[in-house]
């Protein structure tokens, strides 16, 4: 099937839909059995898509797991109550006391906090590396290095990583490769074609697509799926059927939404490049974006999230701009139908392998599905307050 058809068809087997168009919303904690034989059968098959106990899943969660597996191309998908839970569970599934983790320096802030606090307390050492390190990653590998964590593009500053090169070197040292693929969504970047072992997403973002559910996913290849599945279960991770139902609904329109996000974001990004008050635009599709050559090689398109630096470090003017926005709202997320704007703070604190030395303010935007001319007008009046 072509990608757009697969998005419509995935996770819609008759056993999930029971004759309807959409998979049935099944809420359940306790599953009851008519006989000891049935109970033994469910127990033996509990790691699959057989009803056993609510935490193992319902038909709704089985349908979403199947759909995400087909979207990303792995062997199985575990579901979590949020993206951070997916990240932390994936890390805990493949790390133990005394292990060493290589973490990309641009990592999502909660990921970094987890490494610096919980993993440290568990006796797991983290080394942060430059996202553009490429083949030099081998210089940081230690005998006890067990996981290489990627995020491409990087949070806020949008560096695109050379995923196949990093994965190849990691596998030469028997290191598990985990990728935060939330920006790529499984539609724009196919992780398992480039050597990734586990692809994590905050499905809260583009998969759900409507800013009304928290959800995380981790899709694994055949080698790593049994370990991820069972360790996530031992950690008590599961997702609510109602949230899974909304994610299944979101998947059906993922392609058409992404095309509109991409088209509008590119128009806004090109407009921003022409503004005197804007110093730099970090959009993966632009040549000046660090790692653009890897985006051009590996990605099939872009979405609505990018960032830019303004020629201003006056906090009062930044606040005046943000407070004046009408269509852009401030919020700690992205991937929904609405446009968002966020001042990025603390990059000098959050970057250690390759320090952030830019003194001017970085602004991150998510371009939603509003009319692009309205969005540009809103940005124009906001940027005027910086001049």
Protein backbone atom coordinates (compact mmCIF):
# COMPACT_ATOMS: atom_id res chain seq x y z
CA UNK A 1 0.00 0.00 0.00
CA UNK A 2 1.02 3.60 -0.56
CA UNK A 3 1.62 5.59 2.66
CA UNK A 4 -1.64 7.56 2.56
CA UNK A 5 -3.67 4.38 2.09
CA UNK A 6 -1.83 2.63 4.90
CA UNK A 7 -2.74 5.45 7.31
CA UNK A 8 -6.41 4.86 6.55
CA UNK A 9 -6.23 1.07 6.64
CA UNK A 10 -3.86 0.33 9.53
CA UNK A 11 -5.29 -0.97 12.78
CA UNK A 12 -8.71 -1.51 11.21
CA UNK A 13 -8.92 -5.28 11.09
CA UNK A 14 -12.45 -6.61 11.49
CA UNK A 15 -11.61 -8.04 14.91
CA UNK A 16 -10.95 -4.47 16.11
CA UNK A 17 -13.78 -2.69 14.28
CA UNK A 18 -16.42 -5.44 14.68
CA UNK A 19 -18.00 -4.32 11.43
CA UNK A 20 -17.84 -0.57 11.99
CA UNK A 21 -15.54 1.91 10.30
CA UNK A 22 -13.47 2.68 13.41
CA UNK A 23 -12.02 0.32 16.02
CA UNK A 24 -14.39 -0.14 18.93
CA UNK A 25 -13.66 1.87 22.08
CA UNK A 26 -13.24 -0.85 24.70
CA UNK A 27 -12.71 0.17 28.31
CA UNK A 28 -11.73 -2.64 30.64
CA UNK A 29 -9.65 -3.39 33.69
CA UNK A 30 -10.78 -6.91 34.63
CA UNK A 31 -11.18 -9.48 31.87
CA UNK A 32 -13.38 -12.43 32.84
CA UNK A 33 -13.11 -15.95 31.48
CA UNK A 34 -15.78 -18.59 30.98
CA UNK A 35 -13.48 -21.50 31.77
CA UNK A 36 -10.11 -22.45 33.18
CA UNK A 37 -9.11 -23.41 29.65
CA UNK A 38 -9.90 -19.90 28.36
CA UNK A 39 -8.00 -18.33 31.23
CA UNK A 40 -4.94 -20.49 30.60
CA UNK A 41 -5.08 -19.64 26.91
CA UNK A 42 -5.20 -15.89 27.68
CA UNK A 43 -2.32 -16.25 30.13
CA UNK A 44 -0.18 -18.03 27.56
CA UNK A 45 -0.98 -15.41 24.90
CA UNK A 46 -0.92 -12.34 27.17
CA UNK A 47 2.11 -10.80 25.43
CA UNK A 48 0.19 -10.56 22.17
CA UNK A 49 -3.19 -9.13 21.26
CA UNK A 50 -5.26 -11.46 23.44
CA UNK A 51 -7.42 -9.99 26.21
CA UNK A 52 -5.84 -10.86 29.57
CA UNK A 53 -5.92 -7.86 31.91
CA UNK A 54 -6.57 -4.17 31.27
CA UNK A 55 -2.94 -3.15 31.73
CA UNK A 56 -1.93 -5.55 28.96
CA UNK A 57 -4.41 -3.79 26.69
CA UNK A 58 -7.89 -3.82 25.22
CA UNK A 59 -8.92 -4.21 21.60
CA UNK A 60 -8.63 -0.42 21.24
CA UNK A 61 -5.02 -0.36 22.41
CA UNK A 62 -4.21 -3.42 20.30
CA UNK A 63 -5.53 -1.58 17.24
CA UNK A 64 -3.36 1.47 17.93
CA UNK A 65 -0.27 -0.64 18.59
CA UNK A 66 -0.80 -2.34 15.25
CA UNK A 67 -1.34 0.97 13.45
CA UNK A 68 1.81 2.53 14.93
CA UNK A 69 3.83 -0.56 14.09
CA UNK A 70 2.71 -0.32 10.48
CA UNK A 71 3.35 3.44 10.38
CA UNK A 72 6.91 3.25 11.73
CA UNK A 73 7.83 -0.17 10.37
CA UNK A 74 8.87 -2.09 13.49
CA UNK A 75 7.90 -5.42 15.04
CA UNK A 76 5.70 -4.09 17.84
CA UNK A 77 4.65 -0.94 19.67
CA UNK A 78 4.23 -0.30 23.39
CA UNK A 79 1.88 2.45 24.57
CA UNK A 80 2.37 4.89 27.46
CA UNK A 81 0.41 7.69 29.18
CA UNK A 82 2.70 10.38 27.69
CA UNK A 83 5.80 10.87 25.59
CA UNK A 84 8.11 11.27 28.58
CA UNK A 85 6.92 7.92 29.93
CA UNK A 86 7.79 6.34 26.59
CA UNK A 87 11.30 7.82 26.70
CA UNK A 88 12.03 6.91 30.30
CA UNK A 89 10.62 3.39 29.94
CA UNK A 90 12.68 2.75 26.81
CA UNK A 91 15.83 3.90 28.59
CA UNK A 92 15.12 1.85 31.72
CA UNK A 93 14.40 -1.21 29.59
CA UNK A 94 17.95 -1.29 28.23
CA UNK A 95 20.06 0.26 31.01
CA UNK A 96 21.13 -1.04 34.40
CA UNK A 97 23.41 0.05 37.22
CA UNK A 98 26.95 0.58 35.99
CA UNK A 99 25.96 1.21 32.37
CA UNK A 100 26.88 4.23 30.27
CA UNK A 101 24.46 6.23 28.10
CA UNK A 102 25.30 8.52 25.18
CA UNK A 103 22.63 11.23 25.08
CA UNK A 104 22.31 13.88 22.37
CA UNK A 105 22.99 17.37 23.70
CA UNK A 106 19.80 18.79 22.16
CA UNK A 107 17.52 16.37 24.01
CA UNK A 108 14.02 17.32 25.13
CA UNK A 109 14.43 18.99 28.53
CA UNK A 110 12.54 16.32 30.56
CA UNK A 111 14.76 13.66 28.96
CA UNK A 112 17.84 15.52 30.15
CA UNK A 113 16.38 15.96 33.64
CA UNK A 114 15.68 12.23 33.83
CA UNK A 115 19.30 11.45 32.93
CA UNK A 116 20.75 13.98 35.36
CA UNK A 117 18.58 12.89 38.26
CA UNK A 118 17.00 9.45 38.18
CA UNK A 119 19.55 7.67 35.99
CA UNK A 120 22.39 9.22 37.96
CA UNK A 121 20.82 8.04 41.21
CA UNK A 122 20.53 4.54 39.73
CA UNK A 123 24.26 4.46 39.00
CA UNK A 124 23.93 5.02 35.25
CA UNK A 125 26.39 7.53 33.74
CA UNK A 126 25.34 9.89 30.94
CA UNK A 127 27.64 11.59 28.45
CA UNK A 128 26.14 14.32 26.29
CA UNK A 129 27.39 14.62 22.73
CA UNK A 130 27.24 17.18 19.94
CA UNK A 131 24.26 16.28 17.70
CA UNK A 132 26.46 16.82 14.63
CA UNK A 133 29.30 14.62 15.90
CA UNK A 134 28.78 12.04 13.14
CA UNK A 135 31.40 9.27 12.95
CA UNK A 136 33.38 10.81 15.81
CA UNK A 137 30.79 9.32 18.17
CA UNK A 138 33.16 6.35 18.37
CA UNK A 139 35.56 8.43 20.47
CA UNK A 140 32.94 8.63 23.25
CA UNK A 141 32.06 4.95 23.38
CA UNK A 142 33.12 3.21 26.58
CA UNK A 143 33.24 -0.53 27.34
CA UNK A 144 30.01 -0.15 29.34
CA UNK A 145 28.14 2.02 26.80
CA UNK A 146 24.78 0.31 26.25
CA UNK A 147 22.47 2.92 24.67
CA UNK A 148 22.88 5.70 22.11
CA UNK A 149 19.97 8.15 22.23
CA UNK A 150 19.16 10.35 19.22
CA UNK A 151 16.72 13.19 18.65
CA UNK A 152 16.51 14.44 15.08
CA UNK A 153 15.78 17.28 14.55
CA UNK A 154 16.84 18.45 17.99
CA UNK A 155 14.52 20.19 20.39
CA UNK A 156 14.46 23.96 19.88
CA UNK A 157 17.59 24.37 17.74
CA UNK A 158 16.59 21.81 15.08
CA UNK A 159 19.93 20.12 14.32
CA UNK A 160 19.42 17.07 12.07
CA UNK A 161 21.55 14.05 12.93
CA UNK A 162 23.30 11.58 10.62
CA UNK A 163 21.19 8.70 11.92
CA UNK A 164 22.50 5.88 9.69
CA UNK A 165 26.15 6.65 10.45
CA UNK A 166 25.51 6.90 14.19
CA UNK A 167 23.45 3.69 14.17
CA UNK A 168 26.05 1.75 12.21
CA UNK A 169 28.84 2.67 14.62
CA UNK A 170 26.64 1.92 17.64
CA UNK A 171 25.77 -1.54 16.33
CA UNK A 172 29.46 -2.31 15.78
CA UNK A 173 29.78 -2.01 19.57
CA UNK A 174 26.50 -3.83 20.38
CA UNK A 175 24.86 -0.58 21.50
CA UNK A 176 21.08 -0.12 21.34
CA UNK A 177 19.92 2.91 19.34
CA UNK A 178 16.86 4.81 20.57
CA UNK A 179 15.45 7.75 18.60
CA UNK A 180 12.96 10.41 19.64
CA UNK A 181 11.04 10.49 16.34
CA UNK A 182 8.26 12.86 17.40
CA UNK A 183 9.16 15.45 14.74
CA UNK A 184 9.39 12.78 12.05
CA UNK A 185 6.12 11.21 13.27
CA UNK A 186 6.77 7.96 11.40
CA UNK A 187 5.41 9.65 8.29
CA UNK A 188 8.32 11.96 7.46
CA UNK A 189 11.11 9.71 8.74
CA UNK A 190 11.17 5.90 8.69
CA UNK A 191 13.47 5.03 11.59
CA UNK A 192 14.02 1.35 10.93
CA UNK A 193 15.26 2.03 7.42
CA UNK A 194 18.17 3.92 8.99
CA UNK A 195 19.32 1.52 11.69
CA UNK A 196 17.23 2.65 14.68
CA UNK A 197 16.29 -0.10 17.17
CA UNK A 198 13.54 1.75 19.08
CA UNK A 199 11.56 4.75 17.87
CA UNK A 200 9.88 6.82 20.55
CA UNK A 201 7.16 9.40 19.99
CA UNK A 202 5.15 11.82 22.05
CA UNK A 203 1.97 10.82 20.25
CA UNK A 204 0.42 13.75 22.12
CA UNK A 205 1.80 15.83 19.24
CA UNK A 206 1.09 14.96 15.60
CA UNK A 207 -0.42 11.50 16.05
CA UNK A 208 -3.31 12.73 18.21
CA UNK A 209 -3.14 16.08 16.42
CA UNK A 210 -5.87 17.92 18.32
CA UNK A 211 -4.24 18.86 21.65
CA UNK A 212 -6.72 16.83 23.65
CA UNK A 213 -4.88 13.67 24.79
CA UNK A 214 -1.57 12.70 26.38
CA UNK A 215 0.02 9.62 24.83
CA UNK A 216 3.42 8.05 24.20
CA UNK A 217 4.58 5.24 21.90
CA UNK A 218 7.75 3.19 21.54
CA UNK A 219 8.06 1.00 18.47
CA UNK A 220 10.85 -1.58 18.40
CA UNK A 221 12.48 -3.85 15.87
CA UNK A 222 12.23 -7.63 16.16
CA UNK A 223 15.39 -8.00 18.25
CA UNK A 224 14.41 -5.43 20.89
CA UNK A 225 10.62 -5.78 20.96
CA UNK A 226 10.31 -8.59 23.56
CA UNK A 227 12.54 -6.76 26.06
CA UNK A 228 10.79 -3.41 25.56
CA UNK A 229 7.34 -4.99 25.79
CA UNK A 230 7.96 -6.96 28.98
CA UNK A 231 9.98 -4.30 30.81
CA UNK A 232 7.37 -1.65 30.03
CA UNK A 233 4.74 -3.97 31.49
CA UNK A 234 6.85 -4.52 34.61
CA UNK A 235 7.14 -0.74 34.99
CA UNK A 236 3.35 -0.58 35.04
CA UNK A 237 3.04 1.41 31.83
CA UNK A 238 -0.21 1.49 29.90
CA UNK A 239 -2.40 3.96 28.02
CA UNK A 240 -6.08 4.82 28.43
CA UNK A 241 -8.36 3.36 25.72
CA UNK A 242 -10.07 6.74 25.19
CA UNK A 243 -6.72 8.38 24.42
CA UNK A 244 -5.81 5.52 22.10
CA UNK A 245 -9.12 5.95 20.30
CA UNK A 246 -8.33 9.63 19.68
CA UNK A 247 -4.88 8.70 18.42
CA UNK A 248 -6.41 6.21 15.99
CA UNK A 249 -8.69 8.96 14.74
CA UNK A 250 -5.74 11.32 14.41
CA UNK A 251 -3.73 8.84 12.34
CA UNK A 252 -6.36 8.87 9.59
CA UNK A 253 -5.77 12.57 8.87
CA UNK A 254 -2.03 12.67 9.66
CA UNK A 255 -0.94 12.96 6.04
CA UNK A 256 -3.31 15.76 5.01
CA UNK A 257 -2.65 17.69 8.21
CA UNK A 258 1.10 17.35 7.81
CA UNK A 259 1.00 18.65 4.24
CA UNK A 260 -0.83 21.78 5.39
CA UNK A 261 1.46 22.26 8.38
CA UNK A 262 4.44 21.95 6.04
CA UNK A 263 3.15 24.35 3.39
CA UNK A 264 2.14 27.04 5.87
CA UNK A 265 5.31 26.70 7.95
CA UNK A 266 7.53 27.07 4.89
CA UNK A 267 5.68 30.23 3.86
CA UNK A 268 6.06 31.69 7.34
CA UNK A 269 9.71 30.65 7.57
CA UNK A 270 10.55 32.26 4.22
CA UNK A 271 8.75 35.44 5.31
CA UNK A 272 10.69 35.51 8.59
CA UNK A 273 14.00 35.24 6.71
CA UNK A 274 13.21 38.54 5.01
CA UNK A 275 12.62 40.45 8.26
CA UNK A 276 15.47 42.67 9.44
CA UNK A 277 14.75 41.92 13.09
CA UNK A 278 15.19 38.17 12.47
CA UNK A 279 18.79 37.00 12.65
CA UNK A 280 18.50 33.28 11.85
CA UNK A 281 15.74 30.82 10.94
CA UNK A 282 16.29 27.20 12.00
CA UNK A 283 14.09 25.14 9.68
CA UNK A 284 15.33 21.68 8.59
CA UNK A 285 14.34 22.39 4.98
CA UNK A 286 16.65 25.44 4.84
CA UNK A 287 20.27 24.95 3.80
CA UNK A 288 21.55 27.02 6.71
CA UNK A 289 19.95 24.68 9.25
CA UNK A 290 22.68 22.50 10.83
CA UNK A 291 22.51 19.01 9.35
CA UNK A 292 20.28 20.06 6.44
CA UNK A 293 22.09 17.60 4.16
CA UNK A 294 20.82 14.72 6.30
CA UNK A 295 17.28 16.10 6.25
CA UNK A 296 17.44 16.31 2.45
CA UNK A 297 18.74 12.73 2.24
CA UNK A 298 16.57 10.99 4.85
CA UNK A 299 13.27 12.88 5.30
CA UNK A 300 10.27 12.94 2.97
CA UNK A 301 9.05 16.36 4.14
CA UNK A 302 8.68 18.75 7.05
CA UNK A 303 5.95 19.89 9.43
CA UNK A 304 4.92 22.98 11.39
CA UNK A 305 7.66 23.20 14.03
CA UNK A 306 10.76 25.37 13.67
CA UNK A 307 12.56 28.19 15.47
CA UNK A 308 14.23 31.52 14.82
CA UNK A 309 16.56 33.96 16.55
CA UNK A 310 15.59 37.63 16.81
CA UNK A 311 18.07 40.51 16.92
CA UNK A 312 16.88 41.49 20.37
CA UNK A 313 17.85 40.65 23.93
CA UNK A 314 15.55 43.18 25.60
CA UNK A 315 13.30 41.10 27.83
CA UNK A 316 10.61 43.79 28.07
CA UNK A 317 10.30 43.95 24.29
CA UNK A 318 10.18 40.15 24.04
CA UNK A 319 7.36 40.10 26.58
CA UNK A 320 5.51 42.86 24.73
CA UNK A 321 5.73 40.87 21.51
CA UNK A 322 4.50 37.63 23.08
CA UNK A 323 1.67 39.31 24.97
CA UNK A 324 0.44 40.99 21.79
CA UNK A 325 -0.03 37.84 19.72
CA UNK A 326 -3.59 37.03 18.70
CA UNK A 327 -3.41 33.80 16.69
CA UNK A 328 -0.21 32.44 18.24
CA UNK A 329 -0.80 31.24 21.79
CA UNK A 330 1.89 30.36 24.32
CA UNK A 331 1.92 26.72 25.38
CA UNK A 332 4.38 23.91 26.12
CA UNK A 333 3.48 21.62 23.27
CA UNK A 334 3.04 21.44 19.50
CA UNK A 335 1.57 19.23 16.80
CA UNK A 336 -2.06 20.30 17.20
CA UNK A 337 -4.24 22.28 14.80
CA UNK A 338 -3.42 25.56 16.61
CA UNK A 339 -0.40 27.82 16.20
CA UNK A 340 1.89 28.22 19.19
CA UNK A 341 4.80 30.47 20.09
CA UNK A 342 7.31 29.96 22.89
CA UNK A 343 10.38 31.86 24.06
CA UNK A 344 13.15 29.34 24.66
CA UNK A 345 14.96 29.95 27.92
CA UNK A 346 18.02 28.36 29.48
CA UNK A 347 19.82 27.01 26.41
CA UNK A 348 23.10 28.12 27.94
CA UNK A 349 22.27 25.82 30.86
CA UNK A 350 20.84 22.94 28.83
CA UNK A 351 23.70 22.64 26.33
CA UNK A 352 26.97 21.22 27.65
CA UNK A 353 28.64 19.23 24.86
CA UNK A 354 28.33 22.13 22.45
CA UNK A 355 27.50 25.26 24.48
CA UNK A 356 24.87 27.66 23.16
CA UNK A 357 26.59 31.02 22.81
CA UNK A 358 23.87 33.02 21.05
CA UNK A 359 23.01 36.03 23.25
CA UNK A 360 19.81 36.94 21.40
CA UNK A 361 16.49 35.25 22.03
CA UNK A 362 15.44 32.02 20.35
CA UNK A 363 11.73 31.77 19.57
CA UNK A 364 10.07 28.44 18.74
CA UNK A 365 6.85 28.38 16.74
CA UNK A 366 4.42 25.74 15.66
CA UNK A 367 2.46 26.72 12.57
CA UNK A 368 -1.07 25.40 12.81
CA UNK A 369 -3.91 25.11 10.33
CA UNK A 370 -5.08 28.73 10.41
CA UNK A 371 -4.91 30.89 7.28
CA UNK A 372 -1.23 31.58 6.72
CA UNK A 373 -1.80 35.25 5.88
CA UNK A 374 -3.42 35.78 9.28
CA UNK A 375 -0.43 34.13 10.94
CA UNK A 376 2.06 36.31 9.07
CA UNK A 377 0.09 39.44 9.97
CA UNK A 378 0.14 38.39 13.61
CA UNK A 379 3.89 37.85 13.55
CA UNK A 380 4.41 41.17 11.74
CA UNK A 381 2.68 43.18 14.44
CA UNK A 382 4.51 41.23 17.13
CA UNK A 383 7.95 41.67 15.62
CA UNK A 384 7.28 45.38 15.19
CA UNK A 385 7.38 45.66 18.98
CA UNK A 386 11.01 44.48 18.95
CA UNK A 387 12.21 47.12 16.52
